[in-house]
PDB file of all heavy atoms in Angstrom:
ATOM      1  N   GLU A   1     -60.977-166.033-187.965  1.00  0.00           N
ATOM      2  CA  GLU A   1     -61.868-167.193-188.012  1.00  0.00           C
ATOM      3  C   GLU A   1     -62.111-167.760-186.615  1.00  0.00           C
ATOM      4  O   GLU A   1     -63.247-168.066-186.236  1.00  0.00           O
ATOM      5  CB  GLU A   1     -61.276-168.263-188.929  1.00  0.00           C
ATOM      6  CG  GLU A   1     -62.158-169.453-189.147  1.00  0.00           C
ATOM      7  CD  GLU A   1     -63.401-169.158-189.973  1.00  0.00           C
ATOM      8  OE1 GLU A   1     -63.388-168.194-190.757  1.00  0.00           O
ATOM      9  OE2 GLU A   1     -64.390-169.907-189.828  1.00  0.00           O
ATOM     10  N   LEU A   2     -61.047-167.913-185.837  1.00  0.00           N
ATOM     11  CA  LEU A   2     -61.199-168.424-184.468  1.00  0.00           C
ATOM     12  C   LEU A   2     -62.037-167.482-183.620  1.00  0.00           C
ATOM     13  O   LEU A   2     -62.902-167.910-182.854  1.00  0.00           O
ATOM     14  CB  LEU A   2     -59.832-168.602-183.816  1.00  0.00           C
ATOM     15  CG  LEU A   2     -59.167-169.950-183.983  1.00  0.00           C
ATOM     16  CD1 LEU A   2     -57.791-169.940-183.356  1.00  0.00           C
ATOM     17  CD2 LEU A   2     -59.990-171.051-183.383  1.00  0.00           C
ATOM     18  N   LYS A   3     -61.766-166.195-183.736  1.00  0.00           N
ATOM     19  CA  LYS A   3     -62.518-165.215-182.955  1.00  0.00           C
ATOM     20  C   LYS A   3     -63.996-165.259-183.307  1.00  0.00           C
ATOM     21  O   LYS A   3     -64.856-165.154-182.424  1.00  0.00           O
ATOM     22  CB  LYS A   3     -61.949-163.821-183.163  1.00  0.00           C
ATOM     23  CG  LYS A   3     -60.619-163.639-182.472  1.00  0.00           C
ATOM     24  CD  LYS A   3     -60.018-162.266-182.736  1.00  0.00           C
ATOM     25  CE  LYS A   3     -58.674-162.141-182.038  1.00  0.00           C
ATOM     26  NZ  LYS A   3     -58.032-160.856-182.307  1.00  0.00           N
ATOM     27  N   ALA A   4     -64.311-165.418-184.582  1.00  0.00           N
ATOM     28  CA  ALA A   4     -65.710-165.478-185.011  1.00  0.00           C
ATOM     29  C   ALA A   4     -66.382-166.757-184.519  1.00  0.00           C
ATOM     30  O   ALA A   4     -67.505-166.720-184.002  1.00  0.00           O
ATOM     31  CB  ALA A   4     -65.789-165.387-186.532  1.00  0.00           C
ATOM     32  N   ARG A   5     -65.705-167.883-184.665  1.00  0.00           N
ATOM     33  CA  ARG A   5     -66.300-169.163-184.276  1.00  0.00           C
ATOM     34  C   ARG A   5     -66.436-169.325-182.766  1.00  0.00           C
ATOM     35  O   ARG A   5     -67.295-170.060-182.287  1.00  0.00           O
ATOM     36  CB  ARG A   5     -65.489-170.322-184.844  1.00  0.00           C
ATOM     37  CG  ARG A   5     -65.644-170.461-186.341  1.00  0.00           C
ATOM     38  CD  ARG A   5     -64.879-171.659-186.852  1.00  0.00           C
ATOM     39  NE  ARG A   5     -64.965-171.755-188.280  1.00  0.00           N
ATOM     40  CZ  ARG A   5     -65.334-172.850-188.918  1.00  0.00           C
ATOM     41  NH1 ARG A   5     -65.639-173.942-188.253  1.00  0.00           N
ATOM     42  NH2 ARG A   5     -65.386-172.862-190.223  1.00  0.00           N
ATOM     43  N   LEU A   6     -65.560-168.685-182.026  1.00  0.00           N
ATOM     44  CA  LEU A   6     -65.584-168.805-180.567  1.00  0.00           C
ATOM     45  C   LEU A   6     -66.187-167.577-179.893  1.00  0.00           C
ATOM     46  O   LEU A   6     -65.942-167.328-178.709  1.00  0.00           O
ATOM     47  CB  LEU A   6     -64.167-169.054-180.039  1.00  0.00           C
ATOM     48  CG  LEU A   6     -63.490-170.333-180.535  1.00  0.00           C
ATOM     49  CD1 LEU A   6     -62.070-170.418-180.024  1.00  0.00           C
ATOM     50  CD2 LEU A   6     -64.274-171.561-180.132  1.00  0.00           C
ATOM     51  N   LEU A   7     -66.978-166.812-180.616  1.00  0.00           N
ATOM     52  CA  LEU A   7     -67.520-165.558-180.100  1.00  0.00           C
ATOM     53  C   LEU A   7     -68.306-165.748-178.806  1.00  0.00           C
ATOM     54  O   LEU A   7     -68.078-165.030-177.827  1.00  0.00           O
ATOM     55  CB  LEU A   7     -68.398-164.892-181.163  1.00  0.00           C
ATOM     56  CG  LEU A   7     -68.996-163.545-180.759  1.00  0.00           C
ATOM     57  CD1 LEU A   7     -67.890-162.549-180.456  1.00  0.00           C
ATOM     58  CD2 LEU A   7     -69.898-163.026-181.856  1.00  0.00           C
ATOM     59  N   GLN A   8     -69.214-166.706-178.770  1.00  0.00           N
ATOM     60  CA  GLN A   8     -70.013-166.913-177.559  1.00  0.00           C
ATOM     61  C   GLN A   8     -69.137-167.310-176.374  1.00  0.00           C
ATOM     62  O   GLN A   8     -69.327-166.816-175.263  1.00  0.00           O
ATOM     63  CB  GLN A   8     -71.084-167.964-177.794  1.00  0.00           C
ATOM     64  CG  GLN A   8     -72.183-167.491-178.714  1.00  0.00           C
ATOM     65  CD  GLN A   8     -73.247-168.554-178.922  1.00  0.00           C
ATOM     66  OE1 GLN A   8     -72.984-169.738-178.742  1.00  0.00           O
ATOM     67  NE2 GLN A   8     -74.438-168.122-179.309  1.00  0.00           N
ATOM     68  N   ILE A   9     -68.182-168.189-176.613  1.00  0.00           N
ATOM     69  CA  ILE A   9     -67.286-168.625-175.536  1.00  0.00           C
ATOM     70  C   ILE A   9     -66.414-167.461-175.067  1.00  0.00           C
ATOM     71  O   ILE A   9     -66.188-167.282-173.874  1.00  0.00           O
ATOM     72  CB  ILE A   9     -66.414-169.812-176.006  1.00  0.00           C
ATOM     73  CG1 ILE A   9     -67.315-171.026-176.240  1.00  0.00           C
ATOM     74  CG2 ILE A   9     -65.319-170.134-175.001  1.00  0.00           C
ATOM     75  CD1 ILE A   9     -66.643-172.182-176.927  1.00  0.00           C
ATOM     76  N   ARG A  10     -65.959-166.648-176.021  1.00  0.00           N
ATOM     77  CA  ARG A  10     -65.154-165.482-175.662  1.00  0.00           C
ATOM     78  C   ARG A  10     -65.938-164.520-174.780  1.00  0.00           C
ATOM     79  O   ARG A  10     -65.395-163.961-173.820  1.00  0.00           O
ATOM     80  CB  ARG A  10     -64.673-164.751-176.915  1.00  0.00           C
ATOM     81  CG  ARG A  10     -63.576-165.475-177.669  1.00  0.00           C
ATOM     82  CD  ARG A  10     -63.133-164.779-178.933  1.00  0.00           C
ATOM     83  NE  ARG A  10     -63.125-163.338-178.845  1.00  0.00           N
ATOM     84  CZ  ARG A  10     -63.676-162.523-179.761  1.00  0.00           C
ATOM     85  NH1 ARG A  10     -64.251-163.011-180.831  1.00  0.00           N
ATOM     86  NH2 ARG A  10     -63.626-161.233-179.612  1.00  0.00           N
ATOM     87  N   LYS A  11     -67.203-164.329-175.099  1.00  0.00           N
ATOM     88  CA  LYS A  11     -68.032-163.414-174.304  1.00  0.00           C
ATOM     89  C   LYS A  11     -68.297-163.968-172.904  1.00  0.00           C
ATOM     90  O   LYS A  11     -68.222-163.248-171.917  1.00  0.00           O
ATOM     91  CB  LYS A  11     -69.358-163.149-175.009  1.00  0.00           C
ATOM     92  CG  LYS A  11     -69.226-162.222-176.187  1.00  0.00           C
ATOM     93  CD  LYS A  11     -70.588-161.952-176.789  1.00  0.00           C
ATOM     94  CE  LYS A  11     -70.489-160.972-177.936  1.00  0.00           C
ATOM     95  NZ  LYS A  11     -71.825-160.685-178.501  1.00  0.00           N
ATOM     96  N   ILE A  12     -68.610-165.255-172.823  1.00  0.00           N
ATOM     97  CA  ILE A  12     -68.924-165.867-171.532  1.00  0.00           C
ATOM     98  C   ILE A  12     -67.703-165.873-170.611  1.00  0.00           C
ATOM     99  O   ILE A  12     -67.788-165.505-169.441  1.00  0.00           O
ATOM    100  CB  ILE A  12     -69.449-167.305-171.724  1.00  0.00           C
ATOM    101  CG1 ILE A  12     -70.805-167.282-172.416  1.00  0.00           C
ATOM    102  CG2 ILE A  12     -69.523-168.051-170.387  1.00  0.00           C
ATOM    103  CD1 ILE A  12     -71.279-168.645-172.896  1.00  0.00           C
ATOM    104  N   TRP A  13     -66.567-166.289-171.133  1.00  0.00           N
ATOM    105  CA  TRP A  13     -65.371-166.481-170.320  1.00  0.00           C
ATOM    106  C   TRP A  13     -64.372-165.337-170.419  1.00  0.00           C
ATOM    107  O   TRP A  13     -63.327-165.383-169.769  1.00  0.00           O
ATOM    108  CB  TRP A  13     -64.682-167.791-170.704  1.00  0.00           C
ATOM    109  CG  TRP A  13     -65.513-168.985-170.364  1.00  0.00           C
ATOM    110  CD1 TRP A  13     -66.332-169.680-171.192  1.00  0.00           C
ATOM    111  CD2 TRP A  13     -65.620-169.593-169.084  1.00  0.00           C
ATOM    112  NE1 TRP A  13     -66.941-170.694-170.507  1.00  0.00           N
ATOM    113  CE2 TRP A  13     -66.526-170.670-169.208  1.00  0.00           C
ATOM    114  CE3 TRP A  13     -65.044-169.343-167.843  1.00  0.00           C
ATOM    115  CZ2 TRP A  13     -66.859-171.480-168.130  1.00  0.00           C
ATOM    116  CZ3 TRP A  13     -65.376-170.150-166.787  1.00  0.00           C
ATOM    117  CH2 TRP A  13     -66.272-171.209-166.923  1.00  0.00           C
ATOM    118  N   ASN A  14     -64.653-164.332-171.251  1.00  0.00           N
ATOM    119  CA  ASN A  14     -63.747-163.200-171.454  1.00  0.00           C
ATOM    120  C   ASN A  14     -62.349-163.689-171.859  1.00  0.00           C
ATOM    121  O   ASN A  14     -61.340-163.355-171.247  1.00  0.00           O
ATOM    122  CB  ASN A  14     -63.669-162.334-170.195  1.00  0.00           C
ATOM    123  CG  ASN A  14     -62.997-161.005-170.471  1.00  0.00           C
ATOM    124  OD1 ASN A  14     -63.012-160.514-171.597  1.00  0.00           O
ATOM    125  ND2 ASN A  14     -62.406-160.424-169.456  1.00  0.00           N
ATOM    126  N   ILE A  15     -62.326-164.529-172.888  1.00  0.00           N
ATOM    127  CA  ILE A  15     -61.083-165.142-173.355  1.00  0.00           C
ATOM    128  C   ILE A  15     -60.441-164.302-174.450  1.00  0.00           C
ATOM    129  O   ILE A  15     -61.115-163.832-175.359  1.00  0.00           O
ATOM    130  CB  ILE A  15     -61.355-166.567-173.894  1.00  0.00           C
ATOM    131  CG1 ILE A  15     -61.832-167.468-172.768  1.00  0.00           C
ATOM    132  CG2 ILE A  15     -60.117-167.158-174.561  1.00  0.00           C
ATOM    133  CD1 ILE A  15     -62.259-168.846-173.224  1.00  0.00           C
ATOM    134  N   GLU A  16     -59.146-164.141-174.349  1.00  0.00           N
ATOM    135  CA  GLU A  16     -58.364-163.485-175.404  1.00  0.00           C
ATOM    136  C   GLU A  16     -57.789-164.566-176.313  1.00  0.00           C
ATOM    137  O   GLU A  16     -57.281-165.579-175.834  1.00  0.00           O
ATOM    138  CB  GLU A  16     -57.221-162.674-174.788  1.00  0.00           C
ATOM    139  CG  GLU A  16     -56.359-161.968-175.796  1.00  0.00           C
ATOM    140  CD  GLU A  16     -55.209-161.229-175.144  1.00  0.00           C
ATOM    141  OE1 GLU A  16     -55.238-161.011-173.923  1.00  0.00           O
ATOM    142  OE2 GLU A  16     -54.271-160.879-175.875  1.00  0.00           O
ATOM    143  N   ILE A  17     -57.867-164.357-177.618  1.00  0.00           N
ATOM    144  CA  ILE A  17     -57.354-165.333-178.584  1.00  0.00           C
ATOM    145  C   ILE A  17     -56.152-164.748-179.302  1.00  0.00           C
ATOM    146  O   ILE A  17     -56.190-163.609-179.770  1.00  0.00           O
ATOM    147  CB  ILE A  17     -58.445-165.728-179.602  1.00  0.00           C
ATOM    148  CG1 ILE A  17     -59.569-166.472-178.882  1.00  0.00           C
ATOM    149  CG2 ILE A  17     -57.860-166.583-180.720  1.00  0.00           C
ATOM    150  CD1 ILE A  17     -60.729-166.840-179.748  1.00  0.00           C
ATOM    151  N   MET A  18     -55.096-165.535-179.364  1.00  0.00           N
ATOM    152  CA  MET A  18     -53.881-165.139-180.076  1.00  0.00           C
ATOM    153  C   MET A  18     -53.486-166.254-181.038  1.00  0.00           C
ATOM    154  O   MET A  18     -53.500-167.423-180.665  1.00  0.00           O
ATOM    155  CB  MET A  18     -52.728-164.911-179.094  1.00  0.00           C
ATOM    156  CG  MET A  18     -52.975-163.818-178.085  1.00  0.00           C
ATOM    157  SD  MET A  18     -51.705-163.761-176.793  1.00  0.00           S
ATOM    158  CE  MET A  18     -50.244-163.441-177.731  1.00  0.00           C
ATOM    159  N   VAL A  19     -53.144-165.880-182.259  1.00  0.00           N
ATOM    160  CA  VAL A  19     -52.626-166.838-183.237  1.00  0.00           C
ATOM    161  C   VAL A  19     -51.225-166.361-183.595  1.00  0.00           C
ATOM    162  O   VAL A  19     -51.044-165.235-184.064  1.00  0.00           O
ATOM    163  CB  VAL A  19     -53.519-166.929-184.488  1.00  0.00           C
ATOM    164  CG1 VAL A  19     -52.924-167.906-185.486  1.00  0.00           C
ATOM    165  CG2 VAL A  19     -54.930-167.363-184.104  1.00  0.00           C
ATOM    166  N   LEU A  20     -50.248-167.221-183.355  1.00  0.00           N
ATOM    167  CA  LEU A  20     -48.845-166.863-183.542  1.00  0.00           C
ATOM    168  C   LEU A  20     -48.144-167.876-184.433  1.00  0.00           C
ATOM    169  O   LEU A  20     -48.573-169.016-184.526  1.00  0.00           O
ATOM    170  CB  LEU A  20     -48.120-166.840-182.191  1.00  0.00           C
ATOM    171  CG  LEU A  20     -48.744-166.047-181.057  1.00  0.00           C
ATOM    172  CD1 LEU A  20     -48.001-166.324-179.763  1.00  0.00           C
ATOM    173  CD2 LEU A  20     -48.733-164.574-181.375  1.00  0.00           C
ATOM    174  N   ASN A  21     -47.040-167.454-185.020  1.00  0.00           N
ATOM    175  CA  ASN A  21     -46.164-168.421-185.675  1.00  0.00           C
ATOM    176  C   ASN A  21     -45.102-168.825-184.649  1.00  0.00           C
ATOM    177  O   ASN A  21     -45.053-168.287-183.535  1.00  0.00           O
ATOM    178  CB  ASN A  21     -45.571-167.864-186.971  1.00  0.00           C
ATOM    179  CG  ASN A  21     -44.666-166.669-186.762  1.00  0.00           C
ATOM    180  OD1 ASN A  21     -44.392-166.257-185.636  1.00  0.00           O
ATOM    181  ND2 ASN A  21     -44.206-166.079-187.842  1.00  0.00           N
ATOM    182  N   GLU A  22     -44.285-169.764-185.018  1.00  0.00           N
ATOM    183  CA  GLU A  22     -43.299-170.294-184.070  1.00  0.00           C
ATOM    184  C   GLU A  22     -42.319-169.219-183.607  1.00  0.00           C
ATOM    185  O   GLU A  22     -41.945-169.158-182.436  1.00  0.00           O
ATOM    186  CB  GLU A  22     -42.544-171.462-184.708  1.00  0.00           C
ATOM    187  CG  GLU A  22     -41.665-172.209-183.733  1.00  0.00           C
ATOM    188  CD  GLU A  22     -41.050-173.457-184.344  1.00  0.00           C
ATOM    189  OE1 GLU A  22     -40.879-173.513-185.573  1.00  0.00           O
ATOM    190  OE2 GLU A  22     -40.754-174.377-183.572  1.00  0.00           O
ATOM    191  N   GLU A  23     -41.930-168.342-184.518  1.00  0.00           N
ATOM    192  CA  GLU A  23     -40.980-167.283-184.183  1.00  0.00           C
ATOM    193  C   GLU A  23     -41.554-166.339-183.119  1.00  0.00           C
ATOM    194  O   GLU A  23     -40.880-166.005-182.136  1.00  0.00           O
ATOM    195  CB  GLU A  23     -40.623-166.489-185.446  1.00  0.00           C
ATOM    196  CG  GLU A  23     -39.638-165.380-185.218  1.00  0.00           C
ATOM    197  CD  GLU A  23     -39.345-164.608-186.493  1.00  0.00           C
ATOM    198  OE1 GLU A  23     -39.496-165.166-187.595  1.00  0.00           O
ATOM    199  OE2 GLU A  23     -38.968-163.436-186.376  1.00  0.00           O
ATOM    200  N   LEU A  24     -42.793-165.916-183.289  1.00  0.00           N
ATOM    201  CA  LEU A  24     -43.423-165.041-182.302  1.00  0.00           C
ATOM    202  C   LEU A  24     -43.610-165.760-180.970  1.00  0.00           C
ATOM    203  O   LEU A  24     -43.423-165.163-179.904  1.00  0.00           O
ATOM    204  CB  LEU A  24     -44.771-164.544-182.819  1.00  0.00           C
ATOM    205  CG  LEU A  24     -44.736-163.534-183.960  1.00  0.00           C
ATOM    206  CD1 LEU A  24     -46.150-163.281-184.484  1.00  0.00           C
ATOM    207  CD2 LEU A  24     -44.105-162.236-183.500  1.00  0.00           C
ATOM    208  N   ALA A  25     -43.970-167.017-181.012  1.00  0.00           N
ATOM    209  CA  ALA A  25     -44.150-167.800-179.788  1.00  0.00           C
ATOM    210  C   ALA A  25     -42.835-167.910-179.017  1.00  0.00           C
ATOM    211  O   ALA A  25     -42.818-167.812-177.793  1.00  0.00           O
ATOM    212  CB  ALA A  25     -44.697-169.177-180.112  1.00  0.00           C
ATOM    213  N   GLU A  26     -41.740-168.083-179.738  1.00  0.00           N
ATOM    214  CA  GLU A  26     -40.429-168.150-179.083  1.00  0.00           C
ATOM    215  C   GLU A  26     -40.078-166.814-178.445  1.00  0.00           C
ATOM    216  O   GLU A  26     -39.553-166.773-177.329  1.00  0.00           O
ATOM    217  CB  GLU A  26     -39.355-168.560-180.085  1.00  0.00           C
ATOM    218  CG  GLU A  26     -39.406-170.027-180.449  1.00  0.00           C
ATOM    219  CD  GLU A  26     -38.399-170.413-181.521  1.00  0.00           C
ATOM    220  OE1 GLU A  26     -37.665-169.533-182.027  1.00  0.00           O
ATOM    221  OE2 GLU A  26     -38.363-171.605-181.861  1.00  0.00           O
ATOM    222  N   LYS A  27     -40.370-165.715-179.143  1.00  0.00           N
ATOM    223  CA  LYS A  27     -40.086-164.385-178.588  1.00  0.00           C
ATOM    224  C   LYS A  27     -40.877-164.134-177.308  1.00  0.00           C
ATOM    225  O   LYS A  27     -40.408-163.424-176.420  1.00  0.00           O
ATOM    226  CB  LYS A  27     -40.399-163.300-179.616  1.00  0.00           C
ATOM    227  CG  LYS A  27     -39.390-163.208-180.723  1.00  0.00           C
ATOM    228  CD  LYS A  27     -39.737-162.102-181.694  1.00  0.00           C
ATOM    229  CE  LYS A  27     -38.736-162.064-182.834  1.00  0.00           C
ATOM    230  NZ  LYS A  27     -39.080-161.027-183.827  1.00  0.00           N
ATOM    231  N   LEU A  28     -42.068-164.695-177.226  1.00  0.00           N
ATOM    232  CA  LEU A  28     -42.905-164.533-176.039  1.00  0.00           C
ATOM    233  C   LEU A  28     -42.665-165.637-175.007  1.00  0.00           C
ATOM    234  O   LEU A  28     -43.403-165.741-174.032  1.00  0.00           O
ATOM    235  CB  LEU A  28     -44.377-164.515-176.451  1.00  0.00           C
ATOM    236  CG  LEU A  28     -44.799-163.327-177.320  1.00  0.00           C
ATOM    237  CD1 LEU A  28     -46.222-163.520-177.829  1.00  0.00           C
ATOM    238  CD2 LEU A  28     -44.676-162.028-176.546  1.00  0.00           C
ATOM    239  N   SER A  29     -41.650-166.469-175.252  1.00  0.00           N
ATOM    240  CA  SER A  29     -41.280-167.573-174.350  1.00  0.00           C
ATOM    241  C   SER A  29     -42.430-168.552-174.131  1.00  0.00           C
ATOM    242  O   SER A  29     -42.659-169.043-173.030  1.00  0.00           O
ATOM    243  CB  SER A  29     -40.793-167.034-173.008  1.00  0.00           C
ATOM    244  OG  SER A  29     -39.683-166.205-173.179  1.00  0.00           O
ATOM    245  N   LEU A  30     -43.144-168.864-175.213  1.00  0.00           N
ATOM    246  CA  LEU A  30     -44.257-169.805-175.129  1.00  0.00           C
ATOM    247  C   LEU A  30     -43.907-171.184-175.667  1.00  0.00           C
ATOM    248  O   LEU A  30     -44.765-172.059-175.712  1.00  0.00           O
ATOM    249  CB  LEU A  30     -45.461-169.262-175.910  1.00  0.00           C
ATOM    250  CG  LEU A  30     -46.043-167.954-175.386  1.00  0.00           C
ATOM    251  CD1 LEU A  30     -47.149-167.465-176.314  1.00  0.00           C
ATOM    252  CD2 LEU A  30     -46.572-168.124-173.973  1.00  0.00           C
ATOM    253  N   THR A  31     -42.663-171.378-176.070  1.00  0.00           N
ATOM    254  CA  THR A  31     -42.237-172.681-176.571  1.00  0.00           C
ATOM    255  C   THR A  31     -41.172-173.245-175.644  1.00  0.00           C
ATOM    256  O   THR A  31     -40.524-172.522-174.895  1.00  0.00           O
ATOM    257  CB  THR A  31     -41.673-172.579-177.999  1.00  0.00           C
ATOM    258  OG1 THR A  31     -40.556-171.690-177.990  1.00  0.00           O
ATOM    259  CG2 THR A  31     -42.713-172.089-178.983  1.00  0.00           C
ATOM    260  N   ALA A  32     -41.003-174.538-175.706  1.00  0.00           N
ATOM    261  CA  ALA A  32     -39.987-175.212-174.905  1.00  0.00           C
ATOM    262  C   ALA A  32     -39.003-175.888-175.837  1.00  0.00           C
ATOM    263  O   ALA A  32     -39.383-176.417-176.877  1.00  0.00           O
ATOM    264  CB  ALA A  32     -40.628-176.251-173.996  1.00  0.00           C
ATOM    265  N   ASN A  33     -37.760-175.857-175.470  1.00  0.00           N
ATOM    266  CA  ASN A  33     -36.740-176.578-176.233  1.00  0.00           C
ATOM    267  C   ASN A  33     -36.868-178.064-175.951  1.00  0.00           C
ATOM    268  O   ASN A  33     -37.235-178.469-174.847  1.00  0.00           O
ATOM    269  CB  ASN A  33     -35.333-176.119-175.837  1.00  0.00           C
ATOM    270  CG  ASN A  33     -35.092-174.670-176.197  1.00  0.00           C
ATOM    271  OD1 ASN A  33     -35.672-174.148-177.140  1.00  0.00           O
ATOM    272  ND2 ASN A  33     -34.253-174.015-175.433  1.00  0.00           N
ATOM    273  N   ASN A  34     -36.547-178.883-176.940  1.00  0.00           N
ATOM    274  CA  ASN A  34     -36.599-180.333-176.740  1.00  0.00           C
ATOM    275  C   ASN A  34     -35.686-180.766-175.603  1.00  0.00           C
ATOM    276  O   ASN A  34     -35.978-181.711-174.897  1.00  0.00           O
ATOM    277  CB  ASN A  34     -36.229-181.067-178.025  1.00  0.00           C
ATOM    278  CG  ASN A  34     -37.331-180.973-179.051  1.00  0.00           C
ATOM    279  OD1 ASN A  34     -38.478-180.736-178.716  1.00  0.00           O
ATOM    280  ND2 ASN A  34     -36.976-181.163-180.305  1.00  0.00           N
ATOM    281  N   GLN A  35     -34.581-180.082-175.425  1.00  0.00           N
ATOM    282  CA  GLN A  35     -33.639-180.474-174.379  1.00  0.00           C
ATOM    283  C   GLN A  35     -34.221-180.226-172.985  1.00  0.00           C
ATOM    284  O   GLN A  35     -33.786-180.810-172.011  1.00  0.00           O
ATOM    285  CB  GLN A  35     -32.323-179.749-174.535  1.00  0.00           C
ATOM    286  CG  GLN A  35     -32.414-178.240-174.317  1.00  0.00           C
ATOM    287  CD  GLN A  35     -31.116-177.564-174.660  1.00  0.00           C
ATOM    288  OE1 GLN A  35     -30.229-178.157-175.252  1.00  0.00           O
ATOM    289  NE2 GLN A  35     -30.980-176.323-174.262  1.00  0.00           N
ATOM    290  N   ASP A  36     -35.231-179.359-172.875  1.00  0.00           N
ATOM    291  CA  ASP A  36     -35.874-179.117-171.593  1.00  0.00           C
ATOM    292  C   ASP A  36     -36.551-180.378-171.062  1.00  0.00           C
ATOM    293  O   ASP A  36     -36.763-180.529-169.883  1.00  0.00           O
ATOM    294  CB  ASP A  36     -36.920-178.009-171.704  1.00  0.00           C
ATOM    295  CG  ASP A  36     -36.289-176.645-171.957  1.00  0.00           C
ATOM    296  OD1 ASP A  36     -35.067-176.500-171.729  1.00  0.00           O
ATOM    297  OD2 ASP A  36     -37.010-175.727-172.385  1.00  0.00           O
TER     298      ASP A  36
END
């Protein structure tokens, strides 16, 4: 859905879209611990 709705923006800016759950985001080190 995001890729379809943002198609023009993706083409203009060559943007990659990723949709992750919290577990995948943590594995990719994209989340921060509250203690940080």
